[in-house]
Amino acid sequence: MEWVYLAIHYGDNERGHIAYNKETKECQVVLDDANWKEKVESYLQTEQTVMHATGLNTYDELTVQPLESYEYLKLALTRMWNKNGVQVDWGIPVEVDGQLYFAE
């Protein structure tokens, strides 16, 4: 199974991550605070309408189910902080069992 990991944070320095399995489309949100974890899980399970770039200065409205594919997940995550205050740290690795994973 191919898992990808994305670092996330909220507040001043409350960190966690999202684990997504590309094959099974299973998603795990790892955050210490249950309320913030629920915010992320709820966002990911809800259909999202986003502006998707189709060219340098052209955009189309696209409605996606974030967990349907890794591409849709990434697209939805670029807008998540506007909805619930949780940001994705695209350049920060996630450590799982002593191994570092960077976002693809």
PDB file of N, CA and C in Angstrom:
ATOM      1  N   MET A   1       0.833  -1.184   0.000  1.00  0.00           N
ATOM      2  CA  MET A   1       0.000   0.000   0.000  1.00  0.00           C
ATOM      3  C   MET A   1       0.875   1.244   0.000  1.00  0.00           C
ATOM      4  N   GLU A   2       0.523   2.171  -0.832  1.00  0.00           N
ATOM      5  CA  GLU A   2       1.324   3.392  -0.933  1.00  0.00           C
ATOM      6  C   GLU A   2       0.673   4.534  -0.155  1.00  0.00           C
ATOM      7  N   TRP A   3       1.295   4.881   0.960  1.00  0.00           N
ATOM      8  CA  TRP A   3       0.828   5.986   1.794  1.00  0.00           C
ATOM      9  C   TRP A   3       1.634   7.238   1.472  1.00  0.00           C
ATOM     10  N   VAL A   4       0.953   8.375   1.502  1.00  0.00           N
ATOM     11  CA  VAL A   4       1.620   9.670   1.413  1.00  0.00           C
ATOM     12  C   VAL A   4       1.273  10.433   2.685  1.00  0.00           C
ATOM     13  N   TYR A   5       2.181  11.291   3.111  1.00  0.00           N
ATOM     14  CA  TYR A   5       2.022  12.009   4.373  1.00  0.00           C
ATOM     15  C   TYR A   5       2.173  13.506   4.133  1.00  0.00           C
ATOM     16  N   LEU A   6       1.275  14.275   4.749  1.00  0.00           N
ATOM     17  CA  LEU A   6       1.288  15.728   4.608  1.00  0.00           C
ATOM     18  C   LEU A   6       1.262  16.355   5.990  1.00  0.00           C
ATOM     19  N   ALA A   7       2.257  17.189   6.274  1.00  0.00           N
ATOM     20  CA  ALA A   7       2.326  17.876   7.567  1.00  0.00           C
ATOM     21  C   ALA A   7       1.255  18.960   7.621  1.00  0.00           C
ATOM     22  N   ILE A   8       0.610  19.104   8.785  1.00  0.00           N
ATOM     23  CA  ILE A   8      -0.394  20.148   8.983  1.00  0.00           C
ATOM     24  C   ILE A   8      -0.155  20.819  10.326  1.00  0.00           C
ATOM     25  N   HIS A   9      -0.684  22.039  10.467  1.00  0.00           N
ATOM     26  CA  HIS A   9      -0.609  22.712  11.766  1.00  0.00           C
ATOM     27  C   HIS A   9      -1.743  23.720  11.906  1.00  0.00           C
ATOM     28  N   TYR A  10      -2.001  24.074  13.149  1.00  0.00           N
ATOM     29  CA  TYR A  10      -2.978  25.114  13.476  1.00  0.00           C
ATOM     30  C   TYR A  10      -2.451  25.843  14.699  1.00  0.00           C
ATOM     31  N   GLY A  11      -3.011  27.021  14.970  1.00  0.00           N
ATOM     32  CA  GLY A  11      -2.567  27.789  16.129  1.00  0.00           C
ATOM     33  C   GLY A  11      -1.119  28.216  15.986  1.00  0.00           C
ATOM     34  N   ASP A  12      -0.460  28.400  17.132  1.00  0.00           N
ATOM     35  CA  ASP A  12       0.929  28.856  17.118  1.00  0.00           C
ATOM     36  C   ASP A  12       1.901  27.782  16.653  1.00  0.00           C
ATOM     37  N   ASN A  13       1.760  26.570  17.157  1.00  0.00           N
ATOM     38  CA  ASN A  13       2.695  25.517  16.778  1.00  0.00           C
ATOM     39  C   ASN A  13       2.126  24.137  17.077  1.00  0.00           C
ATOM     40  N   GLU A  14       0.835  23.965  16.856  1.00  0.00           N
ATOM     41  CA  GLU A  14       0.199  22.665  17.076  1.00  0.00           C
ATOM     42  C   GLU A  14       0.296  21.875  15.779  1.00  0.00           C
ATOM     43  N   ARG A  15       1.094  20.827  15.793  1.00  0.00           N
ATOM     44  CA  ARG A  15       1.408  20.104  14.562  1.00  0.00           C
ATOM     45  C   ARG A  15       0.834  18.692  14.539  1.00  0.00           C
ATOM     46  N   GLY A  16       0.637  18.209  13.328  1.00  0.00           N
ATOM     47  CA  GLY A  16       0.171  16.847  13.102  1.00  0.00           C
ATOM     48  C   GLY A  16       0.371  16.513  11.639  1.00  0.00           C
ATOM     49  N   HIS A  17      -0.365  15.518  11.166  1.00  0.00           N
ATOM     50  CA  HIS A  17      -0.252  15.181   9.751  1.00  0.00           C
ATOM     51  C   HIS A  17      -1.494  14.460   9.246  1.00  0.00           C
ATOM     52  N   ILE A  18      -1.574  14.398   7.932  1.00  0.00           N
ATOM     53  CA  ILE A  18      -2.593  13.627   7.237  1.00  0.00           C
ATOM     54  C   ILE A  18      -1.867  12.502   6.518  1.00  0.00           C
ATOM     55  N   ALA A  19      -2.355  11.282   6.693  1.00  0.00           N
ATOM     56  CA  ALA A  19      -1.837  10.127   5.967  1.00  0.00           C
ATOM     57  C   ALA A  19      -2.917   9.693   4.981  1.00  0.00           C
ATOM     58  N   TYR A  20      -2.541   9.501   3.723  1.00  0.00           N
ATOM     59  CA  TYR A  20      -3.511   9.126   2.686  1.00  0.00           C
ATOM     60  C   TYR A  20      -2.961   7.949   1.902  1.00  0.00           C
ATOM     61  N   ASN A  21      -3.783   6.912   1.766  1.00  0.00           N
ATOM     62  CA  ASN A  21      -3.396   5.742   0.993  1.00  0.00           C
ATOM     63  C   ASN A  21      -3.939   5.900  -0.425  1.00  0.00           C
ATOM     64  N   LYS A  22      -3.044   5.986  -1.396  1.00  0.00           N
ATOM     65  CA  LYS A  22      -3.446   6.218  -2.782  1.00  0.00           C
ATOM     66  C   LYS A  22      -4.259   5.063  -3.367  1.00  0.00           C
ATOM     67  N   GLU A  23      -4.014   3.848  -2.898  1.00  0.00           N
ATOM     68  CA  GLU A  23      -4.712   2.681  -3.443  1.00  0.00           C
ATOM     69  C   GLU A  23      -6.109   2.515  -2.857  1.00  0.00           C
ATOM     70  N   THR A  24      -6.205   2.572  -1.534  1.00  0.00           N
ATOM     71  CA  THR A  24      -7.489   2.313  -0.865  1.00  0.00           C
ATOM     72  C   THR A  24      -8.284   3.583  -0.593  1.00  0.00           C
ATOM     73  N   LYS A  25      -7.638   4.737  -0.743  1.00  0.00           N
ATOM     74  CA  LYS A  25      -8.236   6.052  -0.466  1.00  0.00           C
ATOM     75  C   LYS A  25      -8.563   6.247   1.016  1.00  0.00           C
ATOM     76  N   GLU A  26      -7.924   5.444   1.851  1.00  0.00           N
ATOM     77  CA  GLU A  26      -8.075   5.596   3.304  1.00  0.00           C
ATOM     78  C   GLU A  26      -7.308   6.835   3.748  1.00  0.00           C
ATOM     79  N   CYS A  27      -7.869   7.550   4.705  1.00  0.00           N
ATOM     80  CA  CYS A  27      -7.243   8.765   5.207  1.00  0.00           C
ATOM     81  C   CYS A  27      -7.226   8.738   6.727  1.00  0.00           C
ATOM     82  N   GLN A  28      -6.098   9.132   7.300  1.00  0.00           N
ATOM     83  CA  GLN A  28      -5.966   9.234   8.748  1.00  0.00           C
ATOM     84  C   GLN A  28      -5.471  10.636   9.079  1.00  0.00           C
ATOM     85  N   VAL A  29      -6.151  11.284  10.014  1.00  0.00           N
ATOM     86  CA  VAL A  29      -5.741  12.601  10.486  1.00  0.00           C
ATOM     87  C   VAL A  29      -5.129  12.413  11.863  1.00  0.00           C
ATOM     88  N   VAL A  30      -3.900  12.867  12.027  1.00  0.00           N
ATOM     89  CA  VAL A  30      -3.197  12.724  13.297  1.00  0.00           C
ATOM     90  C   VAL A  30      -2.993  14.112  13.896  1.00  0.00           C
ATOM     91  N   LEU A  31      -3.809  14.427  14.891  1.00  0.00           N
ATOM     92  CA  LEU A  31      -3.719  15.670  15.661  1.00  0.00           C
ATOM     93  C   LEU A  31      -4.062  15.331  17.107  1.00  0.00           C
ATOM     94  N   ASP A  32      -3.383  15.958  18.059  1.00  0.00           N
ATOM     95  CA  ASP A  32      -3.636  15.674  19.473  1.00  0.00           C
ATOM     96  C   ASP A  32      -5.006  16.152  19.939  1.00  0.00           C
ATOM     97  N   ASP A  33      -5.459  17.287  19.436  1.00  0.00           N
ATOM     98  CA  ASP A  33      -6.726  17.871  19.873  1.00  0.00           C
ATOM     99  C   ASP A  33      -7.886  17.291  19.057  1.00  0.00           C
ATOM    100  N   ALA A  34      -8.826  16.624  19.733  1.00  0.00           N
ATOM    101  CA  ALA A  34      -9.947  15.958  19.059  1.00  0.00           C
ATOM    102  C   ALA A  34     -10.824  16.938  18.281  1.00  0.00           C
ATOM    103  N   ASN A  35     -10.995  18.149  18.791  1.00  0.00           N
ATOM    104  CA  ASN A  35     -11.814  19.149  18.108  1.00  0.00           C
ATOM    105  C   ASN A  35     -11.192  19.548  16.769  1.00  0.00           C
ATOM    106  N   TRP A  36      -9.898  19.798  16.761  1.00  0.00           N
ATOM    107  CA  TRP A  36      -9.217  20.173  15.518  1.00  0.00           C
ATOM    108  C   TRP A  36      -9.159  18.988  14.554  1.00  0.00           C
ATOM    109  N   LYS A  37      -8.965  17.797  15.087  1.00  0.00           N
ATOM    110  CA  LYS A  37      -8.960  16.592  14.250  1.00  0.00           C
ATOM    111  C   LYS A  37     -10.304  16.452  13.538  1.00  0.00           C
ATOM    112  N   GLU A  38     -11.393  16.667  14.265  1.00  0.00           N
ATOM    113  CA  GLU A  38     -12.735  16.584  13.686  1.00  0.00           C
ATOM    114  C   GLU A  38     -12.936  17.632  12.591  1.00  0.00           C
ATOM    115  N   LYS A  39     -12.393  18.830  12.776  1.00  0.00           N
ATOM    116  CA  LYS A  39     -12.501  19.875  11.748  1.00  0.00           C
ATOM    117  C   LYS A  39     -11.870  19.418  10.433  1.00  0.00           C
ATOM    118  N   VAL A  40     -10.697  18.804  10.531  1.00  0.00           N
ATOM    119  CA  VAL A  40     -10.002  18.341   9.325  1.00  0.00           C
ATOM    120  C   VAL A  40     -10.758  17.172   8.701  1.00  0.00           C
ATOM    121  N   GLU A  41     -11.154  16.197   9.513  1.00  0.00           N
ATOM    122  CA  GLU A  41     -11.877  15.035   8.987  1.00  0.00           C
ATOM    123  C   GLU A  41     -13.175  15.453   8.307  1.00  0.00           C
ATOM    124  N   SER A  42     -13.894  16.365   8.921  1.00  0.00           N
ATOM    125  CA  SER A  42     -15.152  16.847   8.347  1.00  0.00           C
ATOM    126  C   SER A  42     -14.917  17.537   7.005  1.00  0.00           C
ATOM    127  N   TYR A  43     -13.888  18.365   6.946  1.00  0.00           N
ATOM    128  CA  TYR A  43     -13.561  19.059   5.696  1.00  0.00           C
ATOM    129  C   TYR A  43     -13.243  18.054   4.592  1.00  0.00           C
ATOM    130  N   LEU A  44     -12.450  17.038   4.916  1.00  0.00           N
ATOM    131  CA  LEU A  44     -12.027  16.069   3.908  1.00  0.00           C
ATOM    132  C   LEU A  44     -13.163  15.167   3.435  1.00  0.00           C
ATOM    133  N   GLN A  45     -14.190  15.023   4.238  1.00  0.00           N
ATOM    134  CA  GLN A  45     -15.320  14.161   3.877  1.00  0.00           C
ATOM    135  C   GLN A  45     -16.452  14.932   3.198  1.00  0.00           C
ATOM    136  N   THR A  46     -16.258  16.239   3.018  1.00  0.00           N
ATOM    137  CA  THR A  46     -17.286  17.091   2.427  1.00  0.00           C
ATOM    138  C   THR A  46     -16.866  17.530   1.029  1.00  0.00           C
ATOM    139  N   GLU A  47     -17.795  17.463   0.093  1.00  0.00           N
ATOM    140  CA  GLU A  47     -17.526  17.935  -1.261  1.00  0.00           C
ATOM    141  C   GLU A  47     -17.099  19.400  -1.217  1.00  0.00           C
ATOM    142  N   GLN A  48     -16.056  19.738  -1.971  1.00  0.00           N
ATOM    143  CA  GLN A  48     -15.514  21.096  -1.980  1.00  0.00           C
ATOM    144  C   GLN A  48     -15.541  21.660  -3.401  1.00  0.00           C
ATOM    145  N   THR A  49     -15.921  22.916  -3.516  1.00  0.00           N
ATOM    146  CA  THR A  49     -15.874  23.610  -4.802  1.00  0.00           C
ATOM    147  C   THR A  49     -14.726  24.606  -4.744  1.00  0.00           C
ATOM    148  N   VAL A  50     -13.784  24.456  -5.679  1.00  0.00           N
ATOM    149  CA  VAL A  50     -12.573  25.281  -5.680  1.00  0.00           C
ATOM    150  C   VAL A  50     -12.335  25.838  -7.086  1.00  0.00           C
ATOM    151  N   MET A  51     -11.567  26.906  -7.142  1.00  0.00           N
ATOM    152  CA  MET A  51     -11.139  27.444  -8.424  1.00  0.00           C
ATOM    153  C   MET A  51      -9.853  26.717  -8.809  1.00  0.00           C
ATOM    154  N   HIS A  52      -9.865  26.099  -9.968  1.00  0.00           N
ATOM    155  CA  HIS A  52      -8.766  25.271 -10.447  1.00  0.00           C
ATOM    156  C   HIS A  52      -8.120  25.956 -11.649  1.00  0.00           C
ATOM    157  N   ALA A  53      -6.796  26.137 -11.588  1.00  0.00           N
ATOM    158  CA  ALA A  53      -6.080  26.800 -12.680  1.00  0.00           C
ATOM    159  C   ALA A  53      -6.097  25.931 -13.935  1.00  0.00           C
ATOM    160  N   THR A  54      -6.480  26.544 -15.046  1.00  0.00           N
ATOM    161  CA  THR A  54      -6.460  25.858 -16.336  1.00  0.00           C
ATOM    162  C   THR A  54      -5.430  26.471 -17.276  1.00  0.00           C
ATOM    163  N   GLY A  55      -4.839  27.561 -16.851  1.00  0.00           N
ATOM    164  CA  GLY A  55      -3.824  28.261 -17.617  1.00  0.00           C
ATOM    165  C   GLY A  55      -3.138  29.253 -16.700  1.00  0.00           C
ATOM    166  N   LEU A  56      -2.296  30.088 -17.261  1.00  0.00           N
ATOM    167  CA  LEU A  56      -1.546  31.042 -16.459  1.00  0.00           C
ATOM    168  C   LEU A  56      -2.461  31.989 -15.691  1.00  0.00           C
ATOM    169  N   ASN A  57      -3.478  32.502 -16.326  1.00  0.00           N
ATOM    170  CA  ASN A  57      -4.409  33.434 -15.686  1.00  0.00           C
ATOM    171  C   ASN A  57      -5.865  33.038 -15.887  1.00  0.00           C
ATOM    172  N   THR A  58      -6.120  31.764 -16.102  1.00  0.00           N
ATOM    173  CA  THR A  58      -7.489  31.303 -16.310  1.00  0.00           C
ATOM    174  C   THR A  58      -7.831  30.209 -15.304  1.00  0.00           C
ATOM    175  N   TYR A  59      -9.061  30.251 -14.827  1.00  0.00           N
ATOM    176  CA  TYR A  59      -9.506  29.310 -13.802  1.00  0.00           C
ATOM    177  C   TYR A  59     -10.903  28.805 -14.127  1.00  0.00           C
ATOM    178  N   ASP A  60     -11.163  27.587 -13.728  1.00  0.00           N
ATOM    179  CA  ASP A  60     -12.496  27.005 -13.803  1.00  0.00           C
ATOM    180  C   ASP A  60     -12.907  26.579 -12.409  1.00  0.00           C
ATOM    181  N   GLU A  61     -14.193  26.641 -12.159  1.00  0.00           N
ATOM    182  CA  GLU A  61     -14.716  26.140 -10.896  1.00  0.00           C
ATOM    183  C   GLU A  61     -14.794  24.618 -10.998  1.00  0.00           C
ATOM    184  N   LEU A  62     -14.296  23.940  -9.987  1.00  0.00           N
ATOM    185  CA  LEU A  62     -14.265  22.484  -9.982  1.00  0.00           C
ATOM    186  C   LEU A  62     -14.790  21.994  -8.641  1.00  0.00           C
ATOM    187  N   THR A  63     -15.709  21.050  -8.674  1.00  0.00           N
ATOM    188  CA  THR A  63     -16.235  20.458  -7.450  1.00  0.00           C
ATOM    189  C   THR A  63     -15.591  19.090  -7.279  1.00  0.00           C
ATOM    190  N   VAL A  64     -14.977  18.876  -6.113  1.00  0.00           N
ATOM    191  CA  VAL A  64     -14.249  17.631  -5.867  1.00  0.00           C
ATOM    192  C   VAL A  64     -14.663  17.016  -4.535  1.00  0.00           C
ATOM    193  N   GLN A  65     -14.534  15.708  -4.482  1.00  0.00           N
ATOM    194  CA  GLN A  65     -14.628  14.970  -3.231  1.00  0.00           C
ATOM    195  C   GLN A  65     -13.172  14.721  -2.840  1.00  0.00           C
ATOM    196  N   PRO A  66     -12.647  15.392  -1.796  1.00  0.00           N
ATOM    197  CA  PRO A  66     -11.214  15.364  -1.508  1.00  0.00           C
ATOM    198  C   PRO A  66     -10.577  13.978  -1.412  1.00  0.00           C
ATOM    199  N   LEU A  67     -11.284  12.992  -0.905  1.00  0.00           N
ATOM    200  CA  LEU A  67     -10.670  11.682  -0.709  1.00  0.00           C
ATOM    201  C   LEU A  67     -10.795  10.768  -1.924  1.00  0.00           C
ATOM    202  N   GLU A  68     -11.375  11.261  -3.004  1.00  0.00           N
ATOM    203  CA  GLU A  68     -11.562  10.454  -4.212  1.00  0.00           C
ATOM    204  C   GLU A  68     -10.235  10.132  -4.905  1.00  0.00           C
ATOM    205  N   SER A  69      -9.267  11.056  -4.820  1.00  0.00           N
ATOM    206  CA  SER A  69      -7.952  10.828  -5.420  1.00  0.00           C
ATOM    207  C   SER A  69      -6.927  11.719  -4.717  1.00  0.00           C
ATOM    208  N   TYR A  70      -5.667  11.376  -4.880  1.00  0.00           N
ATOM    209  CA  TYR A  70      -4.613  12.190  -4.265  1.00  0.00           C
ATOM    210  C   TYR A  70      -4.584  13.582  -4.901  1.00  0.00           C
ATOM    211  N   GLU A  71      -4.844  13.672  -6.196  1.00  0.00           N
ATOM    212  CA  GLU A  71      -4.871  14.980  -6.863  1.00  0.00           C
ATOM    213  C   GLU A  71      -5.982  15.860  -6.297  1.00  0.00           C
ATOM    214  N   TYR A  72      -7.164  15.289  -6.097  1.00  0.00           N
ATOM    215  CA  TYR A  72      -8.270  16.056  -5.513  1.00  0.00           C
ATOM    216  C   TYR A  72      -7.969  16.430  -4.066  1.00  0.00           C
ATOM    217  N   LEU A  73      -7.341  15.521  -3.337  1.00  0.00           N
ATOM    218  CA  LEU A  73      -6.975  15.814  -1.949  1.00  0.00           C
ATOM    219  C   LEU A  73      -6.051  17.025  -1.899  1.00  0.00           C
ATOM    220  N   LYS A  74      -4.997  17.014  -2.722  1.00  0.00           N
ATOM    221  CA  LYS A  74      -4.060  18.140  -2.725  1.00  0.00           C
ATOM    222  C   LYS A  74      -4.759  19.440  -3.101  1.00  0.00           C
ATOM    223  N   LEU A  75      -5.624  19.386  -4.100  1.00  0.00           N
ATOM    224  CA  LEU A  75      -6.339  20.586  -4.532  1.00  0.00           C
ATOM    225  C   LEU A  75      -7.208  21.127  -3.400  1.00  0.00           C
ATOM    226  N   ALA A  76      -7.953  20.258  -2.741  1.00  0.00           N
ATOM    227  CA  ALA A  76      -8.819  20.687  -1.634  1.00  0.00           C
ATOM    228  C   ALA A  76      -7.996  21.224  -0.465  1.00  0.00           C
ATOM    229  N   LEU A  77      -6.842  20.628  -0.210  1.00  0.00           N
ATOM    230  CA  LEU A  77      -6.016  21.065   0.918  1.00  0.00           C
ATOM    231  C   LEU A  77      -5.447  22.466   0.715  1.00  0.00           C
ATOM    232  N   THR A  78      -5.318  22.909  -0.521  1.00  0.00           N
ATOM    233  CA  THR A  78      -4.804  24.268  -0.741  1.00  0.00           C
ATOM    234  C   THR A  78      -5.786  25.321  -0.253  1.00  0.00           C
ATOM    235  N   ARG A  79      -7.045  24.935  -0.045  1.00  0.00           N
ATOM    236  CA  ARG A  79      -8.076  25.878   0.415  1.00  0.00           C
ATOM    237  C   ARG A  79      -8.521  25.622   1.853  1.00  0.00           C
ATOM    238  N   MET A  80      -8.025  24.560   2.472  1.00  0.00           N
ATOM    239  CA  MET A  80      -8.524  24.156   3.787  1.00  0.00           C
ATOM    240  C   MET A  80      -8.348  25.228   4.851  1.00  0.00           C
ATOM    241  N   TRP A  81      -7.215  25.915   4.876  1.00  0.00           N
ATOM    242  CA  TRP A  81      -6.965  26.892   5.941  1.00  0.00           C
ATOM    243  C   TRP A  81      -7.991  28.015   5.930  1.00  0.00           C
ATOM    244  N   ASN A  82      -8.557  28.332   4.756  1.00  0.00           N
ATOM    245  CA  ASN A  82      -9.612  29.352   4.693  1.00  0.00           C
ATOM    246  C   ASN A  82     -10.899  28.888   5.359  1.00  0.00           C
ATOM    247  N   LYS A  83     -11.130  27.589   5.383  1.00  0.00           N
ATOM    248  CA  LYS A  83     -12.379  27.035   5.914  1.00  0.00           C
ATOM    249  C   LYS A  83     -12.308  26.713   7.401  1.00  0.00           C
ATOM    250  N   ASN A  84     -11.151  26.215   7.865  1.00  0.00           N
ATOM    251  CA  ASN A  84     -11.101  25.763   9.264  1.00  0.00           C
ATOM    252  C   ASN A  84      -9.847  26.165  10.035  1.00  0.00           C
ATOM    253  N   GLY A  85      -8.952  26.925   9.421  1.00  0.00           N
ATOM    254  CA  GLY A  85      -7.776  27.403  10.140  1.00  0.00           C
ATOM    255  C   GLY A  85      -6.635  26.410  10.253  1.00  0.00           C
ATOM    256  N   VAL A  86      -6.725  25.281   9.551  1.00  0.00           N
ATOM    257  CA  VAL A  86      -5.644  24.288   9.561  1.00  0.00           C
ATOM    258  C   VAL A  86      -4.875  24.422   8.252  1.00  0.00           C
ATOM    259  N   GLN A  87      -3.566  24.575   8.369  1.00  0.00           N
ATOM    260  CA  GLN A  87      -2.716  24.791   7.196  1.00  0.00           C
ATOM    261  C   GLN A  87      -1.883  23.556   6.896  1.00  0.00           C
ATOM    262  N   VAL A  88      -1.618  23.350   5.617  1.00  0.00           N
ATOM    263  CA  VAL A  88      -0.728  22.277   5.183  1.00  0.00           C
ATOM    264  C   VAL A  88       0.672  22.855   5.056  1.00  0.00           C
ATOM    265  N   ASP A  89       1.646  22.164   5.608  1.00  0.00           N
ATOM    266  CA  ASP A  89       3.053  22.574   5.523  1.00  0.00           C
ATOM    267  C   ASP A  89       3.718  21.731   4.437  1.00  0.00           C
ATOM    268  N   TRP A  90       3.548  22.152   3.194  1.00  0.00           N
ATOM    269  CA  TRP A  90       3.979  21.354   2.046  1.00  0.00           C
ATOM    270  C   TRP A  90       5.465  21.019   2.068  1.00  0.00           C
ATOM    271  N   GLY A  91       6.298  21.880   2.627  1.00  0.00           N
ATOM    272  CA  GLY A  91       7.744  21.667   2.600  1.00  0.00           C
ATOM    273  C   GLY A  91       8.315  21.001   3.838  1.00  0.00           C
ATOM    274  N   ILE A  92       7.468  20.649   4.797  1.00  0.00           N
ATOM    275  CA  ILE A  92       7.951  20.049   6.044  1.00  0.00           C
ATOM    276  C   ILE A  92       7.692  18.548   6.009  1.00  0.00           C
ATOM    277  N   PRO A  93       8.703  17.739   6.305  1.00  0.00           N
ATOM    278  CA  PRO A  93       8.497  16.288   6.284  1.00  0.00           C
ATOM    279  C   PRO A  93       7.691  15.816   7.496  1.00  0.00           C
ATOM    280  N   VAL A  94       7.111  14.638   7.346  1.00  0.00           N
ATOM    281  CA  VAL A  94       6.398  13.973   8.434  1.00  0.00           C
ATOM    282  C   VAL A  94       7.242  12.782   8.856  1.00  0.00           C
ATOM    283  N   GLU A  95       7.456  12.641  10.161  1.00  0.00           N
ATOM    284  CA  GLU A  95       8.218  11.498  10.663  1.00  0.00           C
ATOM    285  C   GLU A  95       7.253  10.415  11.132  1.00  0.00           C
ATOM    286  N   VAL A  96       7.398   9.227  10.541  1.00  0.00           N
ATOM    287  CA  VAL A  96       6.585   8.070  10.908  1.00  0.00           C
ATOM    288  C   VAL A  96       7.532   6.904  11.143  1.00  0.00           C
ATOM    289  N   ASP A  97       7.516   6.373  12.356  1.00  0.00           N
ATOM    290  CA  ASP A  97       8.381   5.243  12.722  1.00  0.00           C
ATOM    291  C   ASP A  97       9.848   5.502  12.377  1.00  0.00           C
ATOM    292  N   GLY A  98      10.316   6.710  12.649  1.00  0.00           N
ATOM    293  CA  GLY A  98      11.710   7.061  12.425  1.00  0.00           C
ATOM    294  C   GLY A  98      12.071   7.389  10.984  1.00  0.00           C
ATOM    295  N   GLN A  99      11.127   7.320  10.078  1.00  0.00           N
ATOM    296  CA  GLN A  99      11.355   7.607   8.660  1.00  0.00           C
ATOM    297  C   GLN A  99      10.729   8.956   8.319  1.00  0.00           C
ATOM    298  N   LEU A 100      11.434   9.778   7.539  1.00  0.00           N
ATOM    299  CA  LEU A 100      10.900  11.069   7.104  1.00  0.00           C
ATOM    300  C   LEU A 100      10.242  10.937   5.735  1.00  0.00           C
ATOM    301  N   TYR A 101       9.040  11.500   5.629  1.00  0.00           N
ATOM    302  CA  TYR A 101       8.289  11.491   4.374  1.00  0.00           C
ATOM    303  C   TYR A 101       7.978  12.925   3.970  1.00  0.00           C
ATOM    304  N   PHE A 102       8.305  13.271   2.733  1.00  0.00           N
ATOM    305  CA  PHE A 102       7.993  14.588   2.188  1.00  0.00           C
ATOM    306  C   PHE A 102       6.758  14.487   1.301  1.00  0.00           C
ATOM    307  N   ALA A 103       5.995  15.567   1.227  1.00  0.00           N
ATOM    308  CA  ALA A 103       4.816  15.598   0.358  1.00  0.00           C
ATOM    309  C   ALA A 103       5.242  15.413  -1.090  1.00  0.00           C
ATOM    310  N   GLU A 104       4.441  14.722  -1.834  1.00  0.00           N
ATOM    311  CA  GLU A 104       4.724  14.513  -3.268  1.00  0.00           C
ATOM    312  C   GLU A 104       4.173  15.663  -4.074  1.00  0.00           C
TER     313      GLU A 104
END
